[in-house]
Amino acid sequence: MLTFPPTFHISLPKHYRGSADRVETTTPPVSVDGDLELTPLKVLEMHWTKKKGRLIEESLVQWKHVEPEDGTWDETSALQKKYPTFDLEGKVDSKEGGDDRNPPQRVN
């Protein structure tokens, strides 16, 4: 037996009467290679870590056009070199008050 999909007369659908609010989206900047061009938005946290026997300061960075949970830990000195106009001082959002002490000293 042959079946046909349901049909309706053109006079039956009703006009949509919802809000006409438009959602505008912006496309994040991309490089010529198609990679997302990251720009730091703010520093969420900072800490010291040991790499190759040296103490390195790292910053947890929230990037523009990227979800906050996708932030990355990057060396603070590398961030300062790559983004010289981005002020890292005073950008830390700390719920515990921050830590302005000198970096931990190396103990032999």
C-alpha atoms as a PDB file:
ATOM      1  CA  MET A   1       0.000   0.000   0.000  1.00  0.00           C
ATOM      2  CA  LEU A   2       1.286   3.408  -0.911  1.00  0.00           C
ATOM      3  CA  THR A   3       1.398   6.132   1.791  1.00  0.00           C
ATOM      4  CA  PHE A   4       1.882   9.831   1.369  1.00  0.00           C
ATOM      5  CA  PRO A   5       3.327  12.284   3.871  1.00  0.00           C
ATOM      6  CA  PRO A   6       0.755  14.454   5.634  1.00  0.00           C
ATOM      7  CA  THR A   7      -0.233  17.499   3.653  1.00  0.00           C
ATOM      8  CA  PHE A   8      -1.834  20.778   4.655  1.00  0.00           C
ATOM      9  CA  HIS A   9      -3.510  23.581   2.857  1.00  0.00           C
ATOM     10  CA  ILE A  10      -1.466  26.806   2.541  1.00  0.00           C
ATOM     11  CA  SER A  11      -4.134  28.744   4.441  1.00  0.00           C
ATOM     12  CA  LEU A  12      -3.693  26.663   7.628  1.00  0.00           C
ATOM     13  CA  PRO A  13      -0.282  27.778   9.013  1.00  0.00           C
ATOM     14  CA  LYS A  14      -0.487  30.813  11.298  1.00  0.00           C
ATOM     15  CA  HIS A  15       1.881  33.787  11.249  1.00  0.00           C
ATOM     16  CA  TYR A  16       4.551  33.770  13.970  1.00  0.00           C
ATOM     17  CA  ARG A  17       3.757  36.359  16.642  1.00  0.00           C
ATOM     18  CA  GLY A  18       6.929  36.152  18.778  1.00  0.00           C
ATOM     19  CA  SER A  19       9.446  38.844  19.548  1.00  0.00           C
ATOM     20  CA  ALA A  20      11.471  40.285  16.725  1.00  0.00           C
ATOM     21  CA  ASP A  21      14.637  40.529  18.854  1.00  0.00           C
ATOM     22  CA  ARG A  22      17.698  39.661  16.861  1.00  0.00           C
ATOM     23  CA  VAL A  23      20.655  37.884  18.302  1.00  0.00           C
ATOM     24  CA  GLU A  24      23.851  39.348  16.951  1.00  0.00           C
ATOM     25  CA  THR A  25      26.961  37.258  16.959  1.00  0.00           C
ATOM     26  CA  THR A  26      30.476  38.284  16.173  1.00  0.00           C
ATOM     27  CA  THR A  27      32.902  35.985  14.523  1.00  0.00           C
ATOM     28  CA  PRO A  28      36.169  35.666  16.433  1.00  0.00           C
ATOM     29  CA  PRO A  29      39.263  36.802  14.536  1.00  0.00           C
ATOM     30  CA  VAL A  30      41.062  34.088  12.603  1.00  0.00           C
ATOM     31  CA  SER A  31      44.519  33.995  11.051  1.00  0.00           C
ATOM     32  CA  VAL A  32      45.202  33.374   7.372  1.00  0.00           C
ATOM     33  CA  ASP A  33      45.745  29.702   8.279  1.00  0.00           C
ATOM     34  CA  GLY A  34      42.279  29.533   9.853  1.00  0.00           C
ATOM     35  CA  ASP A  35      43.572  29.400  13.445  1.00  0.00           C
ATOM     36  CA  LEU A  36      41.757  31.356  16.143  1.00  0.00           C
ATOM     37  CA  GLU A  37      43.713  34.512  17.007  1.00  0.00           C
ATOM     38  CA  LEU A  38      43.729  34.571  20.779  1.00  0.00           C
ATOM     39  CA  THR A  39      43.734  37.836  22.709  1.00  0.00           C
ATOM     40  CA  PRO A  40      43.941  37.809  26.505  1.00  0.00           C
ATOM     41  CA  LEU A  41      40.849  39.123  28.270  1.00  0.00           C
ATOM     42  CA  LYS A  42      41.977  38.831  31.890  1.00  0.00           C
ATOM     43  CA  VAL A  43      44.180  36.882  34.260  1.00  0.00           C
ATOM     44  CA  LEU A  44      42.121  34.627  36.496  1.00  0.00           C
ATOM     45  CA  GLU A  45      44.911  33.355  38.729  1.00  0.00           C
ATOM     46  CA  MET A  46      48.706  33.282  39.098  1.00  0.00           C
ATOM     47  CA  HIS A  47      51.042  30.755  40.675  1.00  0.00           C
ATOM     48  CA  TRP A  48      54.653  29.612  40.747  1.00  0.00           C
ATOM     49  CA  THR A  49      55.708  26.251  39.338  1.00  0.00           C
ATOM     50  CA  LYS A  50      59.008  24.439  38.984  1.00  0.00           C
ATOM     51  CA  LYS A  51      60.256  23.668  35.462  1.00  0.00           C
ATOM     52  CA  LYS A  52      63.696  22.230  34.803  1.00  0.00           C
ATOM     53  CA  GLY A  53      64.769  23.162  38.324  1.00  0.00           C
ATOM     54  CA  ARG A  54      63.699  26.818  37.953  1.00  0.00           C
ATOM     55  CA  LEU A  55      60.748  28.623  39.489  1.00  0.00           C
ATOM     56  CA  ILE A  56      58.468  30.039  36.797  1.00  0.00           C
ATOM     57  CA  GLU A  57      55.493  32.329  37.332  1.00  0.00           C
ATOM     58  CA  GLU A  58      52.413  31.215  35.380  1.00  0.00           C
ATOM     59  CA  SER A  59      49.120  32.998  34.736  1.00  0.00           C
ATOM     60  CA  LEU A  60      45.741  31.411  34.111  1.00  0.00           C
ATOM     61  CA  VAL A  61      44.425  33.455  31.186  1.00  0.00           C
ATOM     62  CA  GLN A  62      40.848  33.854  30.044  1.00  0.00           C
ATOM     63  CA  TRP A  63      40.875  34.567  26.304  1.00  0.00           C
ATOM     64  CA  LYS A  64      38.455  36.708  24.323  1.00  0.00           C
ATOM     65  CA  HIS A  65      35.882  34.714  22.326  1.00  0.00           C
ATOM     66  CA  VAL A  66      36.687  31.575  24.381  1.00  0.00           C
ATOM     67  CA  GLU A  67      34.692  30.139  27.279  1.00  0.00           C
ATOM     68  CA  PRO A  68      36.216  30.901  30.730  1.00  0.00           C
ATOM     69  CA  GLU A  69      36.618  27.197  31.518  1.00  0.00           C
ATOM     70  CA  ASP A  70      38.907  26.918  28.481  1.00  0.00           C
ATOM     71  CA  GLY A  71      41.495  29.290  29.962  1.00  0.00           C
ATOM     72  CA  THR A  72      45.136  28.245  29.765  1.00  0.00           C
ATOM     73  CA  TRP A  73      48.173  28.404  32.058  1.00  0.00           C
ATOM     74  CA  ASP A  74      50.962  30.320  30.336  1.00  0.00           C
ATOM     75  CA  GLU A  75      54.305  31.630  31.506  1.00  0.00           C
ATOM     76  CA  THR A  76      53.792  35.209  32.616  1.00  0.00           C
ATOM     77  CA  SER A  77      57.042  36.365  30.983  1.00  0.00           C
ATOM     78  CA  ALA A  78      55.979  34.848  27.635  1.00  0.00           C
ATOM     79  CA  LEU A  79      52.595  36.596  27.870  1.00  0.00           C
ATOM     80  CA  GLN A  80      54.309  39.921  28.555  1.00  0.00           C
ATOM     81  CA  LYS A  81      56.522  39.480  25.478  1.00  0.00           C
ATOM     82  CA  LYS A  82      53.709  38.376  23.158  1.00  0.00           C
ATOM     83  CA  TYR A  83      51.125  40.906  24.411  1.00  0.00           C
ATOM     84  CA  PRO A  84      53.156  43.926  25.578  1.00  0.00           C
ATOM     85  CA  THR A  85      50.099  46.206  25.813  1.00  0.00           C
ATOM     86  CA  PHE A  86      48.197  43.755  28.033  1.00  0.00           C
ATOM     87  CA  ASP A  87      48.635  44.823  31.653  1.00  0.00           C
ATOM     88  CA  LEU A  88      49.032  41.727  33.824  1.00  0.00           C
ATOM     89  CA  GLU A  89      49.356  43.719  37.038  1.00  0.00           C
ATOM     90  CA  GLY A  90      46.140  43.993  38.996  1.00  0.00           C
ATOM     91  CA  LYS A  91      44.247  41.723  36.603  1.00  0.00           C
ATOM     92  CA  VAL A  92      43.978  38.736  38.948  1.00  0.00           C
ATOM     93  CA  ASP A  93      40.463  37.981  40.163  1.00  0.00           C
ATOM     94  CA  SER A  94      41.189  36.395  43.501  1.00  0.00           C
ATOM     95  CA  LYS A  95      38.533  35.210  45.906  1.00  0.00           C
ATOM     96  CA  GLU A  96      41.180  34.647  48.577  1.00  0.00           C
ATOM     97  CA  GLY A  97      42.787  38.085  48.481  1.00  0.00           C
ATOM     98  CA  GLY A  98      45.884  37.352  46.382  1.00  0.00           C
ATOM     99  CA  ASP A  99      49.510  36.909  47.305  1.00  0.00           C
ATOM    100  CA  ASP A 100      51.828  39.896  46.905  1.00  0.00           C
ATOM    101  CA  ARG A 101      54.805  38.236  48.582  1.00  0.00           C
ATOM    102  CA  ASN A 102      58.078  37.616  46.825  1.00  0.00           C
ATOM    103  CA  PRO A 103      58.307  34.357  44.866  1.00  0.00           C
ATOM    104  CA  PRO A 104      59.287  31.265  46.852  1.00  0.00           C
ATOM    105  CA  GLN A 105      63.029  30.968  47.371  1.00  0.00           C
ATOM    106  CA  ARG A 106      64.971  27.973  46.130  1.00  0.00           C
ATOM    107  CA  VAL A 107      66.107  25.697  48.940  1.00  0.00           C
ATOM    108  CA  ASN A 108      69.163  23.510  48.334  1.00  0.00           C
END
